Amino acid sequence: MTSTPRPTVVYIHGIGNKVRAELLKSQWDSALFGRDMGGASRMAYWASLRYETPLPDSRSDPLDGGLRHSMERAGPHGTESPEEFIGRTLAEARFAAGDGTRAAGPGPAAEDALADWLRDMVYLADALAESDRTEVTGPADEPLPEALPLPRPARKAVFRLLVQHTFKDLHAYFFGGEGPAIRETFKNALEGLDGGPVVVVGHSLGSVVAYEVLAEWQGEVQLLVTVGSPLAITEVQDQLARPPAVPPGVLAWRNASDLRDLVALDHTLRPEYAPQDRVTDLLVANDSPNHHNVTQYLANQQVREPVQRIFNCLAQDGKG
């Protein structure tokens, strides 16, 4: 009897330094499946391109699990609201030269609009967390707020400031010439698959890397899962090599984000990435300190269930 090729899930991580590759893969396996998946999962690990040594095994990534490390200056409690975080980031950007010289910024009006938008998004996220409305699948749903209610030049200024001074890996990928090497790690992870169904899971910047590689890859992906992704941000779309569209080989795409996730900012891919019937946008609760933690996303039932279904169905078919 010919055995059914097993499915494989290929992960690609997001911004920030990470623990060693084997441990990171196991952590993602545990969050998504509840166990180590062995050879059925792979991790496209690019942190070693940006950081000399991985994080110690016992240490969590501050950019992944919470902004506590960068928030230590905020006050005695070591925490701050999203509005306070953005305000501090913009303030630091104005004095980026280190000599007290004010750098060009989006201006007071843009900053006020940004703070108002963030506050509205946080309140909306809290309301959604208490309701059953967590899936955005079609035009009948009420529209979500735009990412930033600002003119395009101000949007771009805010985005570049946030990226350059807070999310340095994202800046290196788009503006620092490191994109090709990072994409190569994901291409390598796609090699040597045995012909079974492929699931791709990308977090944060990893979702952008996965998207750009899959746009040119000749293989088929049964399910693409993106969590905490910035792919809906207009300024990110402006940097993509091709216009936004579902990669040709991707049969289904589920995109999950928490409205309070500062990396995601915009939360609906469906309007821009055609064909729309392949895309499902999910609003989920990620209660980590910065609402961006990958294990919180992967442990969410709406994220886990379609992935587990692919693996369980294939396992059952193999037994038959």
C-alpha atoms as a PDB file:
ATOM      1  CA  MET A   1       0.000   0.000   0.000  1.00  0.00           C
ATOM      2  CA  THR A   2       1.302   3.437  -0.960  1.00  0.00           C
ATOM      3  CA  SER A   3       1.453   5.721   2.057  1.00  0.00           C
ATOM      4  CA  THR A   4      -0.079   9.182   1.862  1.00  0.00           C
ATOM      5  CA  PRO A   5       2.581  11.907   1.950  1.00  0.00           C
ATOM      6  CA  ARG A   6       2.458  13.632   5.298  1.00  0.00           C
ATOM      7  CA  PRO A   7       1.738  17.345   5.641  1.00  0.00           C
ATOM      8  CA  THR A   8       4.482  19.738   6.655  1.00  0.00           C
ATOM      9  CA  VAL A   9       4.189  23.068   8.423  1.00  0.00           C
ATOM     10  CA  VAL A  10       6.884  25.616   7.649  1.00  0.00           C
ATOM     11  CA  TYR A  11       7.287  28.418  10.179  1.00  0.00           C
ATOM     12  CA  ILE A  12       9.001  31.745   9.760  1.00  0.00           C
ATOM     13  CA  HIS A  13       9.511  33.984  12.779  1.00  0.00           C
ATOM     14  CA  GLY A  14       9.237  37.726  13.141  1.00  0.00           C
ATOM     15  CA  ILE A  15      11.216  40.666  14.445  1.00  0.00           C
ATOM     16  CA  GLY A  16      13.734  40.509  17.262  1.00  0.00           C
ATOM     17  CA  ASN A  17      16.372  38.078  18.413  1.00  0.00           C
ATOM     18  CA  LYS A  18      15.203  34.546  19.239  1.00  0.00           C
ATOM     19  CA  VAL A  19      16.200  31.479  21.196  1.00  0.00           C
ATOM     20  CA  ARG A  20      18.073  28.819  19.195  1.00  0.00           C
ATOM     21  CA  ALA A  21      16.265  27.474  16.150  1.00  0.00           C
ATOM     22  CA  GLU A  22      15.449  24.002  17.517  1.00  0.00           C
ATOM     23  CA  LEU A  23      13.903  25.391  20.682  1.00  0.00           C
ATOM     24  CA  LEU A  24      11.962  28.054  18.819  1.00  0.00           C
ATOM     25  CA  LYS A  25      10.464  25.418  16.510  1.00  0.00           C
ATOM     26  CA  SER A  26       9.481  23.293  19.487  1.00  0.00           C
ATOM     27  CA  GLN A  27       7.833  26.282  21.173  1.00  0.00           C
ATOM     28  CA  TRP A  28       5.763  27.022  18.087  1.00  0.00           C
ATOM     29  CA  ASP A  29       4.857  23.325  17.777  1.00  0.00           C
ATOM     30  CA  SER A  30       3.659  23.259  21.369  1.00  0.00           C
ATOM     31  CA  ALA A  31       1.539  26.378  20.923  1.00  0.00           C
ATOM     32  CA  LEU A  32      -0.038  25.225  17.671  1.00  0.00           C
ATOM     33  CA  PHE A  33      -0.315  21.446  18.197  1.00  0.00           C
ATOM     34  CA  GLY A  34       0.282  20.868  21.894  1.00  0.00           C
ATOM     35  CA  ARG A  35       3.342  18.699  21.201  1.00  0.00           C
ATOM     36  CA  ASP A  36       6.654  18.652  19.353  1.00  0.00           C
ATOM     37  CA  MET A  37       6.011  17.754  15.719  1.00  0.00           C
ATOM     38  CA  GLY A  38       9.490  16.448  14.924  1.00  0.00           C
ATOM     39  CA  GLY A  39      10.150  16.288  11.187  1.00  0.00           C
ATOM     40  CA  ALA A  40       6.611  17.397  10.338  1.00  0.00           C
ATOM     41  CA  SER A  41       7.555  21.013  11.061  1.00  0.00           C
ATOM     42  CA  ARG A  42      10.373  23.305   9.987  1.00  0.00           C
ATOM     43  CA  MET A  43      11.530  26.718  11.152  1.00  0.00           C
ATOM     44  CA  ALA A  44      12.898  29.270   8.703  1.00  0.00           C
ATOM     45  CA  TYR A  45      15.311  30.871  11.154  1.00  0.00           C
ATOM     46  CA  TRP A  46      16.839  34.165  10.101  1.00  0.00           C
ATOM     47  CA  ALA A  47      17.644  35.729  13.502  1.00  0.00           C
ATOM     48  CA  SER A  48      21.247  34.553  13.144  1.00  0.00           C
ATOM     49  CA  LEU A  49      21.643  36.936  10.198  1.00  0.00           C
ATOM     50  CA  ARG A  50      20.921  39.898  12.468  1.00  0.00           C
ATOM     51  CA  TYR A  51      22.146  38.803  15.906  1.00  0.00           C
ATOM     52  CA  GLU A  52      25.489  37.273  16.870  1.00  0.00           C
ATOM     53  CA  THR A  53      24.136  34.844  19.459  1.00  0.00           C
ATOM     54  CA  PRO A  54      20.620  33.580  20.187  1.00  0.00           C
ATOM     55  CA  LEU A  55      18.782  34.476  23.337  1.00  0.00           C
ATOM     56  CA  PRO A  56      19.359  32.167  26.318  1.00  0.00           C
ATOM     57  CA  ASP A  57      16.907  29.272  26.435  1.00  0.00           C
ATOM     58  CA  SER A  58      15.213  30.644  29.512  1.00  0.00           C
ATOM     59  CA  ARG A  59      14.698  34.156  28.168  1.00  0.00           C
ATOM     60  CA  SER A  60      11.707  35.259  26.130  1.00  0.00           C
ATOM     61  CA  ASP A  61      12.064  37.740  23.312  1.00  0.00           C
ATOM     62  CA  PRO A  62      10.945  41.171  24.615  1.00  0.00           C
ATOM     63  CA  LEU A  63       9.705  42.206  21.165  1.00  0.00           C
ATOM     64  CA  ASP A  64       7.736  38.983  20.830  1.00  0.00           C
ATOM     65  CA  GLY A  65       6.334  38.360  24.272  1.00  0.00           C
ATOM     66  CA  GLY A  66       5.984  41.942  25.384  1.00  0.00           C
ATOM     67  CA  LEU A  67       7.674  45.284  25.341  1.00  0.00           C
ATOM     68  CA  ARG A  68       8.736  45.113  28.983  1.00  0.00           C
ATOM     69  CA  HIS A  69      12.428  45.413  28.182  1.00  0.00           C
ATOM     70  CA  SER A  70      11.936  48.589  26.176  1.00  0.00           C
ATOM     71  CA  MET A  71       9.358  49.875  28.642  1.00  0.00           C
ATOM     72  CA  GLU A  72      11.663  49.839  31.671  1.00  0.00           C
ATOM     73  CA  ARG A  73      12.196  53.559  31.252  1.00  0.00           C
ATOM     74  CA  ALA A  74       8.479  54.288  31.289  1.00  0.00           C
ATOM     75  CA  GLY A  75       8.082  54.321  35.045  1.00  0.00           C
ATOM     76  CA  PRO A  76       8.371  52.330  38.243  1.00  0.00           C
ATOM     77  CA  HIS A  77       5.812  49.777  37.118  1.00  0.00           C
ATOM     78  CA  GLY A  78       7.623  49.015  33.864  1.00  0.00           C
ATOM     79  CA  THR A  79       4.439  49.207  31.749  1.00  0.00           C
ATOM     80  CA  GLU A  80       2.823  51.810  29.555  1.00  0.00           C
ATOM     81  CA  SER A  81      -0.267  52.152  27.435  1.00  0.00           C
ATOM     82  CA  PRO A  82      -0.083  51.909  23.628  1.00  0.00           C
ATOM     83  CA  GLU A  83      -0.600  55.663  23.439  1.00  0.00           C
ATOM     84  CA  GLU A  84       2.306  56.282  25.827  1.00  0.00           C
ATOM     85  CA  PHE A  85       4.506  53.859  23.903  1.00  0.00           C
ATOM     86  CA  ILE A  86       3.849  55.591  20.578  1.00  0.00           C
ATOM     87  CA  GLY A  87       4.303  59.020  22.119  1.00  0.00           C
ATOM     88  CA  ARG A  88       7.657  58.042  23.603  1.00  0.00           C
ATOM     89  CA  THR A  89       8.773  56.466  20.330  1.00  0.00           C
ATOM     90  CA  LEU A  90       7.966  59.617  18.373  1.00  0.00           C
ATOM     91  CA  ALA A  91       9.707  61.745  20.985  1.00  0.00           C
ATOM     92  CA  GLU A  92      12.840  59.604  20.717  1.00  0.00           C
ATOM     93  CA  ALA A  93      12.716  59.840  16.934  1.00  0.00           C
ATOM     94  CA  ARG A  94      12.762  63.644  17.057  1.00  0.00           C
ATOM     95  CA  PHE A  95      16.068  63.524  18.935  1.00  0.00           C
ATOM     96  CA  ALA A  96      17.508  60.588  16.996  1.00  0.00           C
ATOM     97  CA  ALA A  97      20.766  62.414  16.352  1.00  0.00           C
ATOM     98  CA  GLY A  98      21.602  62.140  20.039  1.00  0.00           C
ATOM     99  CA  ASP A  99      22.540  65.802  20.383  1.00  0.00           C
ATOM    100  CA  GLY A 100      19.106  67.199  21.148  1.00  0.00           C
ATOM    101  CA  THR A 101      18.529  68.299  17.566  1.00  0.00           C
ATOM    102  CA  ARG A 102      14.920  67.988  16.535  1.00  0.00           C
ATOM    103  CA  ALA A 103      14.496  65.628  13.605  1.00  0.00           C
ATOM    104  CA  ALA A 104      11.762  65.954  11.005  1.00  0.00           C
ATOM    105  CA  GLY A 105       8.538  64.425  12.250  1.00  0.00           C
ATOM    106  CA  PRO A 106       4.889  64.140  11.285  1.00  0.00           C
ATOM    107  CA  GLY A 107       3.952  67.276  13.196  1.00  0.00           C
ATOM    108  CA  PRO A 108       1.677  67.960  16.184  1.00  0.00           C
ATOM    109  CA  ALA A 109      -1.591  67.521  14.258  1.00  0.00           C
ATOM    110  CA  ALA A 110      -0.521  64.129  12.964  1.00  0.00           C
ATOM    111  CA  GLU A 111       0.610  63.046  16.420  1.00  0.00           C
ATOM    112  CA  ASP A 112      -2.734  64.066  17.902  1.00  0.00           C
ATOM    113  CA  ALA A 113      -4.585  62.108  15.234  1.00  0.00           C
ATOM    114  CA  LEU A 114      -2.372  59.102  15.858  1.00  0.00           C
ATOM    115  CA  ALA A 115      -3.016  59.196  19.597  1.00  0.00           C
ATOM    116  CA  ASP A 116      -6.771  59.526  19.029  1.00  0.00           C
ATOM    117  CA  TRP A 117      -6.744  56.614  16.591  1.00  0.00           C
ATOM    118  CA  LEU A 118      -4.773  54.384  18.930  1.00  0.00           C
ATOM    119  CA  ARG A 119      -7.127  55.117  21.797  1.00  0.00           C
ATOM    120  CA  ASP A 120     -10.142  54.286  19.622  1.00  0.00           C
ATOM    121  CA  MET A 121      -8.524  51.056  18.445  1.00  0.00           C
ATOM    122  CA  VAL A 122      -7.756  49.955  21.992  1.00  0.00           C
ATOM    123  CA  TYR A 123     -11.314  50.633  23.121  1.00  0.00           C
ATOM    124  CA  LEU A 124     -12.697  48.794  20.085  1.00  0.00           C
ATOM    125  CA  ALA A 125     -10.405  45.844  20.755  1.00  0.00           C
ATOM    126  CA  ASP A 126     -11.584  45.665  24.349  1.00  0.00           C
ATOM    127  CA  ALA A 127     -15.200  45.695  23.182  1.00  0.00           C
ATOM    128  CA  LEU A 128     -14.565  42.952  20.624  1.00  0.00           C
ATOM    129  CA  ALA A 129     -12.844  40.827  23.241  1.00  0.00           C
ATOM    130  CA  GLU A 130     -16.134  40.772  25.148  1.00  0.00           C
ATOM    131  CA  SER A 131     -18.225  39.867  22.099  1.00  0.00           C
ATOM    132  CA  ASP A 132     -18.544  36.964  19.688  1.00  0.00           C
ATOM    133  CA  ARG A 133     -17.722  39.049  16.636  1.00  0.00           C
ATOM    134  CA  THR A 134     -14.170  37.907  15.978  1.00  0.00           C
ATOM    135  CA  GLU A 135     -14.204  36.983  12.309  1.00  0.00           C
ATOM    136  CA  VAL A 136     -14.274  39.396   9.373  1.00  0.00           C
ATOM    137  CA  THR A 137     -15.161  37.474   6.234  1.00  0.00           C
ATOM    138  CA  GLY A 138     -17.186  39.650   3.916  1.00  0.00           C
ATOM    139  CA  PRO A 139     -18.380  43.109   2.905  1.00  0.00           C
ATOM    140  CA  ALA A 140     -21.543  42.815   5.024  1.00  0.00           C
ATOM    141  CA  ASP A 141     -19.483  43.276   8.171  1.00  0.00           C
ATOM    142  CA  GLU A 142     -19.113  46.770   9.558  1.00  0.00           C
ATOM    143  CA  PRO A 143     -15.874  48.341   8.283  1.00  0.00           C
ATOM    144  CA  LEU A 144     -12.947  48.506  10.669  1.00  0.00           C
ATOM    145  CA  PRO A 145     -11.232  51.842  11.292  1.00  0.00           C
ATOM    146  CA  GLU A 146      -8.549  52.879   8.850  1.00  0.00           C
ATOM    147  CA  ALA A 147      -5.032  52.369  10.181  1.00  0.00           C
ATOM    148  CA  LEU A 148      -4.156  56.041  10.524  1.00  0.00           C
ATOM    149  CA  PRO A 149      -6.603  58.874   9.733  1.00  0.00           C
ATOM    150  CA  LEU A 150      -3.811  61.006   8.287  1.00  0.00           C
ATOM    151  CA  PRO A 151      -2.764  62.348   4.882  1.00  0.00           C
ATOM    152  CA  ARG A 152      -0.421  60.004   3.047  1.00  0.00           C
ATOM    153  CA  PRO A 153       2.797  62.017   3.764  1.00  0.00           C
ATOM    154  CA  ALA A 154       2.027  62.010   7.488  1.00  0.00           C
ATOM    155  CA  ARG A 155       1.173  58.289   7.423  1.00  0.00           C
ATOM    156  CA  LYS A 156       4.479  57.569   5.741  1.00  0.00           C
ATOM    157  CA  ALA A 157       6.404  59.718   8.229  1.00  0.00           C
ATOM    158  CA  VAL A 158       4.803  57.984  11.208  1.00  0.00           C
ATOM    159  CA  PHE A 159       5.431  54.551   9.710  1.00  0.00           C
ATOM    160  CA  ARG A 160       9.081  55.234   8.918  1.00  0.00           C
ATOM    161  CA  LEU A 161       9.682  56.643  12.404  1.00  0.00           C
ATOM    162  CA  LEU A 162       8.098  53.657  14.094  1.00  0.00           C
ATOM    163  CA  VAL A 163       9.972  51.203  11.910  1.00  0.00           C
ATOM    164  CA  GLN A 164      13.363  52.890  12.102  1.00  0.00           C
ATOM    165  CA  HIS A 165      13.413  53.515  15.831  1.00  0.00           C
ATOM    166  CA  THR A 166      11.344  50.631  17.179  1.00  0.00           C
ATOM    167  CA  PHE A 167      11.196  47.728  14.711  1.00  0.00           C
ATOM    168  CA  LYS A 168      14.759  47.749  13.429  1.00  0.00           C
ATOM    169  CA  ASP A 169      14.565  44.348  11.721  1.00  0.00           C
ATOM    170  CA  LEU A 170      11.655  45.576   9.620  1.00  0.00           C
ATOM    171  CA  HIS A 171      13.730  48.620   8.683  1.00  0.00           C
ATOM    172  CA  ALA A 172      16.701  46.409   7.766  1.00  0.00           C
ATOM    173  CA  TYR A 173      14.490  44.187   5.625  1.00  0.00           C
ATOM    174  CA  PHE A 174      12.841  46.964   3.631  1.00  0.00           C
ATOM    175  CA  PHE A 175      15.392  49.753   3.709  1.00  0.00           C
ATOM    176  CA  GLY A 176      18.714  48.208   4.797  1.00  0.00           C
ATOM    177  CA  GLY A 177      19.394  45.719   2.004  1.00  0.00           C
ATOM    178  CA  GLU A 178      18.932  42.572   4.124  1.00  0.00           C
ATOM    179  CA  GLY A 179      15.723  41.378   2.490  1.00  0.00           C
ATOM    180  CA  PRO A 180      17.300  38.919   0.007  1.00  0.00           C
ATOM    181  CA  ALA A 181      19.290  37.051   2.673  1.00  0.00           C
ATOM    182  CA  ILE A 182      16.271  36.805   4.973  1.00  0.00           C
ATOM    183  CA  ARG A 183      14.087  35.518   2.132  1.00  0.00           C
ATOM    184  CA  GLU A 184      16.706  32.905   1.311  1.00  0.00           C
ATOM    185  CA  THR A 185      16.239  31.260   4.714  1.00  0.00           C
ATOM    186  CA  PHE A 186      12.571  30.701   3.934  1.00  0.00           C
ATOM    187  CA  LYS A 187      13.328  29.421   0.424  1.00  0.00           C
ATOM    188  CA  ASN A 188      15.712  26.889   1.950  1.00  0.00           C
ATOM    189  CA  ALA A 189      13.025  25.722   4.364  1.00  0.00           C
ATOM    190  CA  LEU A 190      10.715  24.997   1.424  1.00  0.00           C
ATOM    191  CA  GLU A 191      13.229  22.697  -0.238  1.00  0.00           C
ATOM    192  CA  GLY A 192      13.015  18.920  -0.056  1.00  0.00           C
ATOM    193  CA  LEU A 193       9.326  18.643   0.847  1.00  0.00           C
ATOM    194  CA  ASP A 194       7.929  15.169   0.157  1.00  0.00           C
ATOM    195  CA  GLY A 195       4.870  16.173  -1.850  1.00  0.00           C
ATOM    196  CA  GLY A 196       2.387  16.276   1.018  1.00  0.00           C
ATOM    197  CA  PRO A 197       0.212  19.275   1.889  1.00  0.00           C
ATOM    198  CA  VAL A 198       2.147  22.361   2.932  1.00  0.00           C
ATOM    199  CA  VAL A 199       1.051  24.769   5.649  1.00  0.00           C
ATOM    200  CA  VAL A 200       2.992  28.022   6.081  1.00  0.00           C
ATOM    201  CA  VAL A 201       2.808  30.016   9.314  1.00  0.00           C
ATOM    202  CA  GLY A 202       4.382  33.483   9.378  1.00  0.00           C
ATOM    203  CA  HIS A 203       4.501  35.874  12.315  1.00  0.00           C
ATOM    204  CA  SER A 204       5.136  39.603  12.107  1.00  0.00           C
ATOM    205  CA  LEU A 205       7.907  40.332   9.592  1.00  0.00           C
ATOM    206  CA  GLY A 206       7.970  36.596   8.866  1.00  0.00           C
ATOM    207  CA  SER A 207       4.557  36.947   7.239  1.00  0.00           C
ATOM    208  CA  VAL A 208       5.996  39.521   4.827  1.00  0.00           C
ATOM    209  CA  VAL A 209       8.958  37.279   3.996  1.00  0.00           C
ATOM    210  CA  ALA A 210       6.674  34.286   3.446  1.00  0.00           C
ATOM    211  CA  TYR A 211       4.347  36.311   1.271  1.00  0.00           C
ATOM    212  CA  GLU A 212       7.110  37.643  -0.977  1.00  0.00           C
ATOM    213  CA  VAL A 213       8.689  34.219  -1.452  1.00  0.00           C
ATOM    214  CA  LEU A 214       5.371  32.444  -2.072  1.00  0.00           C
ATOM    215  CA  ALA A 215       4.457  35.056  -4.686  1.00  0.00           C
ATOM    216  CA  GLU A 216       7.222  33.526  -6.842  1.00  0.00           C
ATOM    217  CA  TRP A 217       7.262  29.918  -5.585  1.00  0.00           C
ATOM    218  CA  GLN A 218       5.964  27.273  -7.966  1.00  0.00           C
ATOM    219  CA  GLY A 219       4.622  24.927  -5.299  1.00  0.00           C
ATOM    220  CA  GLU A 220       1.189  24.672  -3.711  1.00  0.00           C
ATOM    221  CA  VAL A 221       0.370  25.793  -0.179  1.00  0.00           C
ATOM    222  CA  GLN A 222      -2.835  24.348   1.200  1.00  0.00           C
ATOM    223  CA  LEU A 223      -3.000  26.956   3.971  1.00  0.00           C
ATOM    224  CA  LEU A 224      -1.122  30.169   4.660  1.00  0.00           C
ATOM    225  CA  VAL A 225      -1.508  31.497   8.208  1.00  0.00           C
ATOM    226  CA  THR A 226      -0.283  34.988   9.064  1.00  0.00           C
ATOM    227  CA  VAL A 227      -0.438  36.365  12.600  1.00  0.00           C
ATOM    228  CA  GLY A 228       0.471  39.852  13.793  1.00  0.00           C
ATOM    229  CA  SER A 229       1.176  40.741  10.186  1.00  0.00           C
ATOM    230  CA  PRO A 230       1.917  44.229   8.817  1.00  0.00           C
ATOM    231  CA  LEU A 231       0.884  43.200   5.274  1.00  0.00           C
ATOM    232  CA  ALA A 232      -2.292  45.288   5.401  1.00  0.00           C
ATOM    233  CA  ILE A 233      -0.372  48.515   6.059  1.00  0.00           C
ATOM    234  CA  THR A 234      -0.348  50.703   2.976  1.00  0.00           C
ATOM    235  CA  GLU A 235       3.295  51.679   3.422  1.00  0.00           C
ATOM    236  CA  VAL A 236       4.313  48.024   3.682  1.00  0.00           C
ATOM    237  CA  GLN A 237       2.377  47.222   0.523  1.00  0.00           C
ATOM    238  CA  ASP A 238       4.266  50.049  -1.190  1.00  0.00           C
ATOM    239  CA  GLN A 239       7.527  48.175  -0.512  1.00  0.00           C
ATOM    240  CA  LEU A 240       6.410  44.805  -1.925  1.00  0.00           C
ATOM    241  CA  ALA A 241       8.011  43.648  -5.158  1.00  0.00           C
ATOM    242  CA  ARG A 242       4.580  42.909  -6.653  1.00  0.00           C
ATOM    243  CA  PRO A 243       1.134  44.451  -6.204  1.00  0.00           C
ATOM    244  CA  PRO A 244      -0.851  42.841  -3.367  1.00  0.00           C
ATOM    245  CA  ALA A 245      -2.544  39.575  -4.355  1.00  0.00           C
ATOM    246  CA  VAL A 246      -2.924  36.088  -2.951  1.00  0.00           C
ATOM    247  CA  PRO A 247       0.170  34.127  -4.062  1.00  0.00           C
ATOM    248  CA  PRO A 248      -0.841  31.844  -6.969  1.00  0.00           C
ATOM    249  CA  GLY A 249      -0.148  28.578  -5.148  1.00  0.00           C
ATOM    250  CA  VAL A 250      -1.941  29.522  -1.925  1.00  0.00           C
ATOM    251  CA  LEU A 251      -5.335  27.804  -1.726  1.00  0.00           C
ATOM    252  CA  ALA A 252      -6.498  29.451   1.512  1.00  0.00           C
ATOM    253  CA  TRP A 253      -5.169  32.290   3.663  1.00  0.00           C
ATOM    254  CA  ARG A 254      -6.133  33.035   7.261  1.00  0.00           C
ATOM    255  CA  ASN A 255      -4.843  36.278   8.734  1.00  0.00           C
ATOM    256  CA  ALA A 256      -5.226  36.812  12.490  1.00  0.00           C
ATOM    257  CA  SER A 257      -4.461  39.905  14.524  1.00  0.00           C
ATOM    258  CA  ASP A 258      -5.354  41.669  17.744  1.00  0.00           C
ATOM    259  CA  LEU A 259      -6.542  45.227  17.231  1.00  0.00           C
ATOM    260  CA  ARG A 260      -4.061  46.368  19.878  1.00  0.00           C
ATOM    261  CA  ASP A 261      -1.074  44.820  18.059  1.00  0.00           C
ATOM    262  CA  LEU A 262       1.216  47.721  17.104  1.00  0.00           C
ATOM    263  CA  VAL A 263       2.962  45.689  14.407  1.00  0.00           C
ATOM    264  CA  ALA A 264      -0.239  44.797  12.590  1.00  0.00           C
ATOM    265  CA  LEU A 265      -1.821  48.299  12.704  1.00  0.00           C
ATOM    266  CA  ASP A 266      -4.162  47.527   9.759  1.00  0.00           C
ATOM    267  CA  HIS A 267      -6.068  44.289  10.201  1.00  0.00           C
ATOM    268  CA  THR A 268      -7.891  43.348   6.995  1.00  0.00           C
ATOM    269  CA  LEU A 269      -6.048  41.842   4.040  1.00  0.00           C
ATOM    270  CA  ARG A 270      -9.168  40.749   2.207  1.00  0.00           C
ATOM    271  CA  PRO A 271      -9.992  44.081   0.498  1.00  0.00           C
ATOM    272  CA  GLU A 272      -6.529  44.413  -1.104  1.00  0.00           C
ATOM    273  CA  TYR A 273      -5.455  40.800  -1.718  1.00  0.00           C
ATOM    274  CA  ALA A 274      -7.450  39.123  -4.477  1.00  0.00           C
ATOM    275  CA  PRO A 275      -9.059  36.704  -4.995  1.00  0.00           C
ATOM    276  CA  GLN A 276     -10.917  37.694  -1.860  1.00  0.00           C
ATOM    277  CA  ASP A 277     -12.675  34.358  -1.415  1.00  0.00           C
ATOM    278  CA  ARG A 278      -9.343  32.775  -0.426  1.00  0.00           C
ATOM    279  CA  VAL A 279      -8.719  35.236   2.417  1.00  0.00           C
ATOM    280  CA  THR A 280     -10.224  35.199   5.900  1.00  0.00           C
ATOM    281  CA  ASP A 281      -9.365  37.994   8.327  1.00  0.00           C
ATOM    282  CA  LEU A 282      -9.713  37.109  12.005  1.00  0.00           C
ATOM    283  CA  LEU A 283      -9.801  39.489  14.945  1.00  0.00           C
ATOM    284  CA  VAL A 284      -8.565  37.540  17.945  1.00  0.00           C
ATOM    285  CA  ALA A 285      -7.568  38.337  21.504  1.00  0.00           C
ATOM    286  CA  ASN A 286      -3.829  38.352  22.208  1.00  0.00           C
ATOM    287  CA  ASP A 287      -3.476  39.266  25.866  1.00  0.00           C
ATOM    288  CA  SER A 288       0.329  39.395  26.005  1.00  0.00           C
ATOM    289  CA  PRO A 289       1.759  42.739  27.207  1.00  0.00           C
ATOM    290  CA  ASN A 290       2.138  44.156  23.698  1.00  0.00           C
ATOM    291  CA  HIS A 291      -0.559  41.973  22.068  1.00  0.00           C
ATOM    292  CA  HIS A 292       1.985  40.639  19.555  1.00  0.00           C
ATOM    293  CA  ASN A 293       3.205  37.412  21.183  1.00  0.00           C
ATOM    294  CA  VAL A 294       3.346  34.555  18.684  1.00  0.00           C
ATOM    295  CA  THR A 295       2.474  31.754  21.093  1.00  0.00           C
ATOM    296  CA  GLN A 296      -0.654  33.641  22.148  1.00  0.00           C
ATOM    297  CA  TYR A 297      -1.668  33.820  18.505  1.00  0.00           C
ATOM    298  CA  LEU A 298      -0.876  30.181  17.724  1.00  0.00           C
ATOM    299  CA  ALA A 299      -2.719  28.935  20.798  1.00  0.00           C
ATOM    300  CA  ASN A 300      -5.912  30.684  19.688  1.00  0.00           C
ATOM    301  CA  GLN A 301      -8.491  28.116  18.595  1.00  0.00           C
ATOM    302  CA  GLN A 302      -9.402  29.994  15.411  1.00  0.00           C
ATOM    303  CA  VAL A 303      -5.758  29.867  14.360  1.00  0.00           C
ATOM    304  CA  ARG A 304      -5.025  26.303  15.502  1.00  0.00           C
ATOM    305  CA  GLU A 305      -8.148  24.530  14.276  1.00  0.00           C
ATOM    306  CA  PRO A 306      -7.694  24.725  10.476  1.00  0.00           C
ATOM    307  CA  VAL A 307      -4.030  23.718  10.767  1.00  0.00           C
ATOM    308  CA  GLN A 308      -4.777  20.786  13.047  1.00  0.00           C
ATOM    309  CA  ARG A 309      -7.598  19.696  10.745  1.00  0.00           C
ATOM    310  CA  ILE A 310      -5.173  19.298   7.841  1.00  0.00           C
ATOM    311  CA  PHE A 311      -2.826  17.176   9.926  1.00  0.00           C
ATOM    312  CA  ASN A 312      -5.569  15.110  11.556  1.00  0.00           C
ATOM    313  CA  CYS A 313      -7.359  14.398   8.290  1.00  0.00           C
ATOM    314  CA  LEU A 314      -4.173  13.242   6.650  1.00  0.00           C
ATOM    315  CA  ALA A 315      -3.307  11.086   9.658  1.00  0.00           C
ATOM    316  CA  GLN A 316      -6.726   9.441   9.516  1.00  0.00           C
ATOM    317  CA  ASP A 317      -6.463   8.895   5.761  1.00  0.00           C
ATOM    318  CA  GLY A 318      -3.071   7.272   6.263  1.00  0.00           C
ATOM    319  CA  LYS A 319      -4.525   4.823   8.759  1.00  0.00           C
ATOM    320  CA  GLY A 320      -7.201   3.796   6.316  1.00  0.00           C
END
